């Protein structure tokens, strides 16, 4: 019984840690200024917050690095419409922009 408890605890800890996103840092904001001239670290942090509180309500997290910035530019508007339809206007235009900035800056580099 004790062995099962430890195994279950280990699985729980691993599962929970797998969904943690690395918080953006100033270097990310500086890198993102090539795309968004007025980008701030606060905007990236806000975008991550929107990501963490909204995106997993419909599906498991997709890490920002799982797609390119171009992919995210197509996905985010579509997902925002779906989320707002399903959950009731949870992502307004400002939150969508913060979310888009976050995922595109943190995206994997294009090939």
Protein backbone atom coordinates (compact mmCIF):
# COMPACT_ATOMS: atom_id res chain seq x y z
CA UNK A 1 0.00 0.00 0.00
CA UNK A 2 2.79 2.41 0.93
CA UNK A 3 4.57 1.59 -2.32
CA UNK A 4 1.47 2.51 -4.34
CA UNK A 5 1.13 5.79 -2.47
CA UNK A 6 4.71 6.78 -3.30
CA UNK A 7 4.30 5.78 -6.92
CA UNK A 8 1.06 7.73 -7.24
CA UNK A 9 2.67 10.74 -5.56
CA UNK A 10 5.59 10.62 -7.97
CA UNK A 11 3.25 10.45 -10.97
CA UNK A 12 1.28 13.42 -9.62
CA UNK A 13 4.41 15.54 -9.10
CA UNK A 14 5.75 14.75 -12.57
CA UNK A 15 2.39 15.48 -14.19
CA UNK A 16 2.03 18.80 -12.41
CA UNK A 17 5.53 19.93 -13.19
CA UNK A 18 5.13 19.07 -16.88
CA UNK A 19 2.59 21.88 -17.33
CA UNK A 20 4.75 24.61 -15.79
CA UNK A 21 5.80 27.26 -18.20
CA UNK A 22 9.09 29.06 -17.85
CA UNK A 23 8.32 32.70 -17.08
CA UNK A 24 9.49 35.22 -19.64
CA UNK A 25 12.53 37.32 -18.75
CA UNK A 26 13.84 40.66 -19.97
CA UNK A 27 15.96 38.95 -22.63
CA UNK A 28 12.74 37.54 -24.13
CA UNK A 29 11.18 41.01 -24.18
CA UNK A 30 14.32 42.44 -25.79
CA UNK A 31 14.28 39.70 -28.44
CA UNK A 32 10.58 40.29 -29.08
CA UNK A 33 11.14 43.98 -29.81
CA UNK A 34 12.24 43.01 -33.31
CA UNK A 35 8.59 42.10 -33.94
CA UNK A 36 6.78 44.32 -31.41
CA UNK A 37 8.74 47.58 -30.99
CA UNK A 38 6.84 48.58 -27.84
CA UNK A 39 7.02 45.15 -26.15
CA UNK A 40 7.59 45.05 -22.40
CA UNK A 41 8.31 42.25 -19.98
CA UNK A 42 5.02 43.08 -18.24
CA UNK A 43 3.14 42.40 -21.47
CA UNK A 44 4.83 39.03 -21.86
CA UNK A 45 4.01 38.18 -18.26
CA UNK A 46 0.38 39.21 -18.82
CA UNK A 47 0.28 37.06 -21.95
CA UNK A 48 1.62 34.08 -20.03
CA UNK A 49 -1.05 34.62 -17.38
CA UNK A 50 -3.79 34.59 -20.02
CA UNK A 51 -2.23 31.46 -21.50
CA UNK A 52 -2.09 29.69 -18.14
CA UNK A 53 -5.63 30.61 -17.10
CA UNK A 54 -7.49 30.24 -20.39
CA UNK A 55 -5.94 27.80 -22.83
CA UNK A 56 -6.15 24.68 -20.71
CA UNK A 57 -9.87 25.07 -20.15
CA UNK A 58 -10.51 23.49 -23.55
CA UNK A 59 -7.42 21.34 -24.19
CA UNK A 60 -4.07 20.39 -22.65
CA UNK A 61 -1.38 23.05 -22.78
CA UNK A 62 0.64 23.38 -25.93
CA UNK A 63 3.99 24.84 -24.98
CA UNK A 64 4.77 28.02 -26.90
CA UNK A 65 7.88 26.34 -28.28
CA UNK A 66 5.77 23.63 -29.89
CA UNK A 67 4.94 25.95 -32.81
CA UNK A 68 6.57 28.73 -34.78
CA UNK A 69 5.51 32.36 -34.43
CA UNK A 70 3.79 32.15 -37.82
CA UNK A 71 1.81 29.12 -36.66
CA UNK A 72 0.72 30.94 -33.50
CA UNK A 73 -0.40 33.95 -35.52
CA UNK A 74 -2.92 31.67 -37.21
CA UNK A 75 -3.88 29.62 -34.15
CA UNK A 76 -4.46 32.33 -31.53
CA UNK A 77 -7.26 34.23 -33.33
CA UNK A 78 -9.05 30.96 -34.09
CA UNK A 79 -8.70 29.68 -30.54
CA UNK A 80 -9.80 33.01 -29.08
CA UNK A 81 -13.05 32.84 -31.05
CA UNK A 82 -13.60 29.24 -29.94
CA UNK A 83 -12.78 29.99 -26.30
CA UNK A 84 -15.05 33.02 -26.22
CA UNK A 85 -17.87 31.02 -27.79
CA UNK A 86 -17.44 28.07 -25.45
CA UNK A 87 -16.56 29.92 -22.23
CA UNK A 88 -18.33 33.24 -22.73
CA UNK A 89 -16.08 36.12 -23.78
CA UNK A 90 -13.16 35.32 -21.49
CA UNK A 91 -10.48 36.77 -23.79
CA UNK A 92 -10.93 40.39 -24.85
CA UNK A 93 -8.86 42.11 -27.54
CA UNK A 94 -6.17 43.33 -25.11
CA UNK A 95 -5.77 39.85 -23.61
CA UNK A 96 -5.66 38.29 -27.07
CA UNK A 97 -2.87 40.69 -28.07
CA UNK A 98 -0.90 39.92 -24.88
CA UNK A 99 -1.39 36.20 -25.48
CA UNK A 100 -0.30 36.49 -29.10
CA UNK A 101 2.80 38.46 -28.13
CA UNK A 102 3.71 35.91 -25.46
CA UNK A 103 3.40 32.81 -27.62
CA UNK A 104 5.07 34.33 -30.69
CA UNK A 105 8.05 35.61 -28.70
CA UNK A 106 8.40 32.29 -26.86
CA UNK A 107 7.79 30.21 -30.01
CA UNK A 108 10.34 27.93 -31.58
CA UNK A 109 12.49 29.59 -34.24
CA UNK A 110 11.32 29.29 -37.83
CA UNK A 111 13.36 26.98 -40.06
